[in-house]
C-alpha cells in the first residue's frame, strides 16, 4: 500500500458521519460521567466538618481530592475511548 492509499482511507474514516456521531456520543458519555463524579464529590464534601480539621489533615484531604479527580478523569477518558472504538468497529463493518 502506498502512502496515498493510507491517507485516503484515513480521511474517509475521519470524515464519515458515523465517526462524527460517535465522537459526539463519546463526549456526551464522558461529560455525564464527569458531572456525576463531581456531584458525588460535592455531596461528600458537604458532610466534612471543616472546623474539626487540624492542619495535619489538610494534605490528606488534598491528596484524596486529587486522587478522586484523577480517577474521574480516567474513567471519563476510558468511556470516551470505548464509545469511539465501538463507532470505529461499526464504521468498518458498513
N, C-alpha and C. Protein backbone atom coordinates (compact mmCIF):
# COMPACT_ATOMS: atom_id res chain seq x y z
N UNK A 1 0.84 -1.18 0.00
CA UNK A 1 0.00 0.00 0.00
C UNK A 1 0.87 1.23 0.00
N UNK A 2 0.53 2.14 -0.83
CA UNK A 2 1.28 3.40 -0.86
C UNK A 2 0.75 4.34 0.21
N UNK A 3 1.47 5.40 0.42
CA UNK A 3 1.09 6.36 1.44
C UNK A 3 -0.23 7.06 1.08
N UNK A 4 -0.47 7.28 -0.22
CA UNK A 4 -1.71 7.93 -0.65
C UNK A 4 -2.94 7.09 -0.33
N UNK A 5 -2.81 5.76 -0.49
CA UNK A 5 -3.93 4.89 -0.19
C UNK A 5 -4.25 4.91 1.30
N UNK A 6 -3.23 4.94 2.13
CA UNK A 6 -3.45 5.01 3.58
C UNK A 6 -4.10 6.33 3.95
N UNK A 7 -3.65 7.42 3.36
CA UNK A 7 -4.19 8.74 3.67
C UNK A 7 -5.65 8.84 3.24
N UNK A 8 -5.98 8.29 2.06
CA UNK A 8 -7.36 8.35 1.59
C UNK A 8 -8.28 7.53 2.49
N UNK A 9 -7.80 6.37 2.93
CA UNK A 9 -8.62 5.53 3.82
C UNK A 9 -8.83 6.25 5.15
N UNK A 10 -7.78 6.83 5.69
CA UNK A 10 -7.88 7.54 6.96
C UNK A 10 -8.80 8.75 6.82
N UNK A 11 -8.68 9.49 5.74
CA UNK A 11 -9.52 10.66 5.52
C UNK A 11 -10.99 10.26 5.36
N UNK A 12 -11.23 9.12 4.71
CA UNK A 12 -12.61 8.66 4.55
C UNK A 12 -13.21 8.35 5.91
N UNK A 13 -12.44 7.68 6.78
CA UNK A 13 -12.97 7.33 8.09
C UNK A 13 -13.15 8.57 8.95
N UNK A 14 -12.22 9.50 8.92
CA UNK A 14 -12.30 10.70 9.75
C UNK A 14 -13.46 11.60 9.33
N UNK A 15 -13.84 11.57 8.07
CA UNK A 15 -14.90 12.44 7.58
C UNK A 15 -16.27 11.76 7.57
N UNK A 16 -16.34 10.53 8.02
CA UNK A 16 -17.61 9.82 7.94
C UNK A 16 -18.58 10.34 9.00
N UNK A 17 -19.85 10.20 8.69
CA UNK A 17 -20.90 10.63 9.61
C UNK A 17 -20.93 9.77 10.87
N UNK A 18 -20.63 8.49 10.72
CA UNK A 18 -20.61 7.59 11.88
C UNK A 18 -19.54 8.03 12.86
N UNK A 19 -18.36 8.35 12.35
CA UNK A 19 -17.27 8.80 13.22
C UNK A 19 -17.64 10.07 13.96
N UNK A 20 -18.24 11.00 13.26
CA UNK A 20 -18.63 12.27 13.87
C UNK A 20 -19.69 12.07 14.95
N UNK A 21 -20.66 11.20 14.66
CA UNK A 21 -21.73 10.96 15.64
C UNK A 21 -21.22 10.23 16.87
N UNK A 22 -20.32 9.27 16.68
CA UNK A 22 -19.78 8.56 17.84
C UNK A 22 -18.83 9.45 18.63
N UNK A 23 -18.18 10.40 17.97
CA UNK A 23 -17.36 11.38 18.70
C UNK A 23 -18.26 12.20 19.63
N UNK A 24 -19.38 12.65 19.12
CA UNK A 24 -20.32 13.43 19.93
C UNK A 24 -20.90 12.58 21.06
N UNK A 25 -21.25 11.34 20.76
CA UNK A 25 -21.78 10.44 21.79
C UNK A 25 -20.73 10.17 22.87
N UNK A 26 -19.49 9.99 22.45
CA UNK A 26 -18.41 9.77 23.41
C UNK A 26 -18.22 10.97 24.32
N UNK A 27 -18.29 12.17 23.76
CA UNK A 27 -18.18 13.37 24.58
C UNK A 27 -19.34 13.48 25.56
N UNK A 28 -20.54 13.12 25.11
CA UNK A 28 -21.70 13.16 25.99
C UNK A 28 -21.56 12.17 27.14
N UNK A 29 -21.15 10.95 26.85
CA UNK A 29 -20.96 9.94 27.89
C UNK A 29 -19.88 10.38 28.88
N UNK A 30 -18.77 10.90 28.36
CA UNK A 30 -17.69 11.36 29.23
C UNK A 30 -18.15 12.53 30.11
N UNK A 31 -18.93 13.45 29.54
CA UNK A 31 -19.42 14.58 30.31
C UNK A 31 -20.39 14.14 31.41
N UNK A 32 -21.24 13.16 31.10
CA UNK A 32 -22.18 12.65 32.11
C UNK A 32 -21.42 11.99 33.26
N UNK A 33 -20.41 11.19 32.94
CA UNK A 33 -19.61 10.54 33.98
C UNK A 33 -18.87 11.58 34.81
N UNK A 34 -18.31 12.58 34.16
CA UNK A 34 -17.59 13.64 34.85
C UNK A 34 -18.51 14.41 35.79
N UNK A 35 -19.69 14.77 35.31
CA UNK A 35 -20.62 15.52 36.16
C UNK A 35 -21.13 14.67 37.33
N UNK A 36 -21.39 13.40 37.09
CA UNK A 36 -21.84 12.52 38.17
C UNK A 36 -20.75 12.38 39.23
N UNK A 37 -19.53 12.23 38.80
CA UNK A 37 -18.43 12.12 39.75
C UNK A 37 -18.22 13.39 40.55
N UNK A 38 -18.32 14.53 39.88
CA UNK A 38 -18.16 15.80 40.60
C UNK A 38 -19.31 16.04 41.58
N UNK A 39 -20.51 15.64 41.19
CA UNK A 39 -21.64 15.77 42.11
C UNK A 39 -21.47 14.88 43.34
N UNK A 40 -20.98 13.67 43.14
CA UNK A 40 -20.73 12.79 44.28
C UNK A 40 -19.63 13.34 45.18
N UNK A 41 -18.60 13.94 44.58
CA UNK A 41 -17.54 14.54 45.39
C UNK A 41 -18.07 15.74 46.16
N UNK A 42 -18.94 16.54 45.53
CA UNK A 42 -19.52 17.71 46.21
C UNK A 42 -20.43 17.26 47.35
N UNK A 43 -21.20 16.19 47.13
CA UNK A 43 -22.06 15.67 48.18
C UNK A 43 -21.22 15.19 49.36
N UNK A 44 -20.11 14.55 49.07
CA UNK A 44 -19.23 14.08 50.13
C UNK A 44 -18.58 15.25 50.86
N UNK A 45 -18.26 16.30 50.12
CA UNK A 45 -17.62 17.47 50.74
C UNK A 45 -18.58 18.20 51.68
N UNK A 46 -19.88 18.11 51.42
CA UNK A 46 -20.84 18.76 52.30
C UNK A 46 -20.88 18.10 53.68
N UNK A 47 -20.50 16.84 53.76
CA UNK A 47 -20.50 16.13 55.03
C UNK A 47 -19.25 16.35 55.87
N UNK A 48 -18.23 17.01 55.29
CA UNK A 48 -16.98 17.23 56.02
C UNK A 48 -17.15 18.43 56.96
N UNK A 49 -16.76 18.24 58.18
CA UNK A 49 -16.81 19.35 59.15
C UNK A 49 -15.45 20.03 59.13
N UNK A 50 -15.35 21.12 58.41
CA UNK A 50 -14.07 21.78 58.21
C UNK A 50 -13.52 22.39 59.51
N UNK A 51 -14.40 22.75 60.45
CA UNK A 51 -13.91 23.35 61.69
C UNK A 51 -13.28 22.32 62.62
N UNK A 52 -13.50 21.03 62.33
CA UNK A 52 -12.88 19.98 63.14
C UNK A 52 -11.53 19.52 62.57
N UNK A 53 -11.15 20.06 61.41
CA UNK A 53 -9.89 19.64 60.79
C UNK A 53 -8.71 20.27 61.52
N UNK A 54 -7.65 19.50 61.63
CA UNK A 54 -6.41 20.05 62.14
C UNK A 54 -5.48 20.26 60.94
N UNK A 55 -4.45 21.07 61.08
CA UNK A 55 -3.57 21.34 59.93
C UNK A 55 -2.94 20.08 59.32
N UNK A 56 -2.77 19.05 60.09
CA UNK A 56 -2.19 17.81 59.54
C UNK A 56 -3.17 17.08 58.62
N UNK A 57 -4.45 17.37 58.72
CA UNK A 57 -5.45 16.71 57.88
C UNK A 57 -5.55 17.32 56.48
N UNK A 58 -5.07 18.54 56.32
CA UNK A 58 -5.23 19.24 55.04
C UNK A 58 -4.49 18.53 53.89
N UNK A 59 -3.23 18.10 54.05
CA UNK A 59 -2.59 17.36 52.94
C UNK A 59 -3.30 16.05 52.61
N UNK A 60 -3.83 15.38 53.62
CA UNK A 60 -4.55 14.13 53.38
C UNK A 60 -5.83 14.41 52.59
N UNK A 61 -6.53 15.46 52.96
CA UNK A 61 -7.75 15.85 52.25
C UNK A 61 -7.44 16.25 50.81
N UNK A 62 -6.36 17.02 50.62
CA UNK A 62 -5.96 17.43 49.27
C UNK A 62 -5.55 16.23 48.42
N UNK A 63 -4.87 15.27 49.03
CA UNK A 63 -4.50 14.05 48.30
C UNK A 63 -5.71 13.25 47.88
N UNK A 64 -6.69 13.16 48.77
CA UNK A 64 -7.93 12.45 48.43
C UNK A 64 -8.68 13.11 47.29
N UNK A 65 -8.70 14.45 47.32
CA UNK A 65 -9.36 15.18 46.23
C UNK A 65 -8.62 14.95 44.92
N UNK A 66 -7.30 14.99 44.97
CA UNK A 66 -6.51 14.78 43.74
C UNK A 66 -6.71 13.37 43.19
N UNK A 67 -6.72 12.39 44.05
CA UNK A 67 -6.94 11.01 43.61
C UNK A 67 -8.35 10.85 43.03
N UNK A 68 -9.34 11.45 43.68
CA UNK A 68 -10.71 11.37 43.17
C UNK A 68 -10.87 12.02 41.81
N UNK A 69 -10.29 13.21 41.65
CA UNK A 69 -10.39 13.90 40.35
C UNK A 69 -9.66 13.14 39.26
N UNK A 70 -8.50 12.57 39.60
CA UNK A 70 -7.76 11.76 38.62
C UNK A 70 -8.56 10.54 38.21
N UNK A 71 -9.16 9.87 39.18
CA UNK A 71 -9.97 8.69 38.87
C UNK A 71 -11.16 9.01 37.99
N UNK A 72 -11.84 10.10 38.32
CA UNK A 72 -13.00 10.51 37.50
C UNK A 72 -12.56 10.85 36.08
N UNK A 73 -11.44 11.54 35.96
CA UNK A 73 -10.93 11.88 34.63
C UNK A 73 -10.55 10.65 33.83
N UNK A 74 -9.90 9.69 34.46
CA UNK A 74 -9.50 8.47 33.75
C UNK A 74 -10.71 7.63 33.34
N UNK A 75 -11.71 7.55 34.19
CA UNK A 75 -12.92 6.80 33.83
C UNK A 75 -13.64 7.49 32.67
N UNK A 76 -13.69 8.82 32.69
CA UNK A 76 -14.33 9.56 31.59
C UNK A 76 -13.57 9.34 30.28
N UNK A 77 -12.25 9.38 30.35
CA UNK A 77 -11.43 9.16 29.16
C UNK A 77 -11.60 7.74 28.63
N UNK A 78 -11.65 6.77 29.53
CA UNK A 78 -11.85 5.38 29.11
C UNK A 78 -13.22 5.19 28.46
N UNK A 79 -14.24 5.80 29.02
CA UNK A 79 -15.58 5.68 28.43
C UNK A 79 -15.62 6.31 27.04
N UNK A 80 -14.97 7.45 26.89
CA UNK A 80 -14.89 8.09 25.57
C UNK A 80 -14.19 7.17 24.57
N UNK A 81 -13.08 6.57 25.00
CA UNK A 81 -12.35 5.66 24.11
C UNK A 81 -13.15 4.44 23.73
N UNK A 82 -13.91 3.90 24.66
CA UNK A 82 -14.73 2.72 24.37
C UNK A 82 -15.83 3.07 23.38
N UNK A 83 -16.46 4.22 23.55
CA UNK A 83 -17.52 4.63 22.61
C UNK A 83 -16.92 4.86 21.23
N UNK A 84 -15.74 5.48 21.17
CA UNK A 84 -15.11 5.70 19.86
C UNK A 84 -14.70 4.38 19.22
N UNK A 85 -14.25 3.41 20.02
CA UNK A 85 -13.88 2.10 19.48
C UNK A 85 -15.10 1.38 18.91
N UNK A 86 -16.22 1.48 19.59
CA UNK A 86 -17.47 0.88 19.07
C UNK A 86 -17.85 1.57 17.77
N UNK A 87 -17.72 2.89 17.72
CA UNK A 87 -18.02 3.62 16.49
C UNK A 87 -17.10 3.24 15.36
N UNK A 88 -15.83 3.03 15.67
CA UNK A 88 -14.88 2.62 14.65
C UNK A 88 -15.24 1.23 14.11
N UNK A 89 -15.60 0.31 15.01
CA UNK A 89 -15.96 -1.04 14.58
C UNK A 89 -17.23 -1.03 13.72
N UNK A 90 -18.20 -0.22 14.10
CA UNK A 90 -19.42 -0.13 13.31
C UNK A 90 -19.14 0.49 11.95
N UNK A 91 -18.30 1.52 11.93
CA UNK A 91 -17.97 2.18 10.66
C UNK A 91 -17.22 1.24 9.73
N UNK A 92 -16.35 0.39 10.29
CA UNK A 92 -15.62 -0.56 9.47
C UNK A 92 -16.53 -1.65 8.91
N UNK A 93 -17.59 -1.98 9.63
CA UNK A 93 -18.47 -3.06 9.20
C UNK A 93 -19.48 -2.61 8.14
N UNK A 94 -19.65 -1.31 7.98
CA UNK A 94 -20.62 -0.81 7.00
C UNK A 94 -20.05 -0.91 5.60
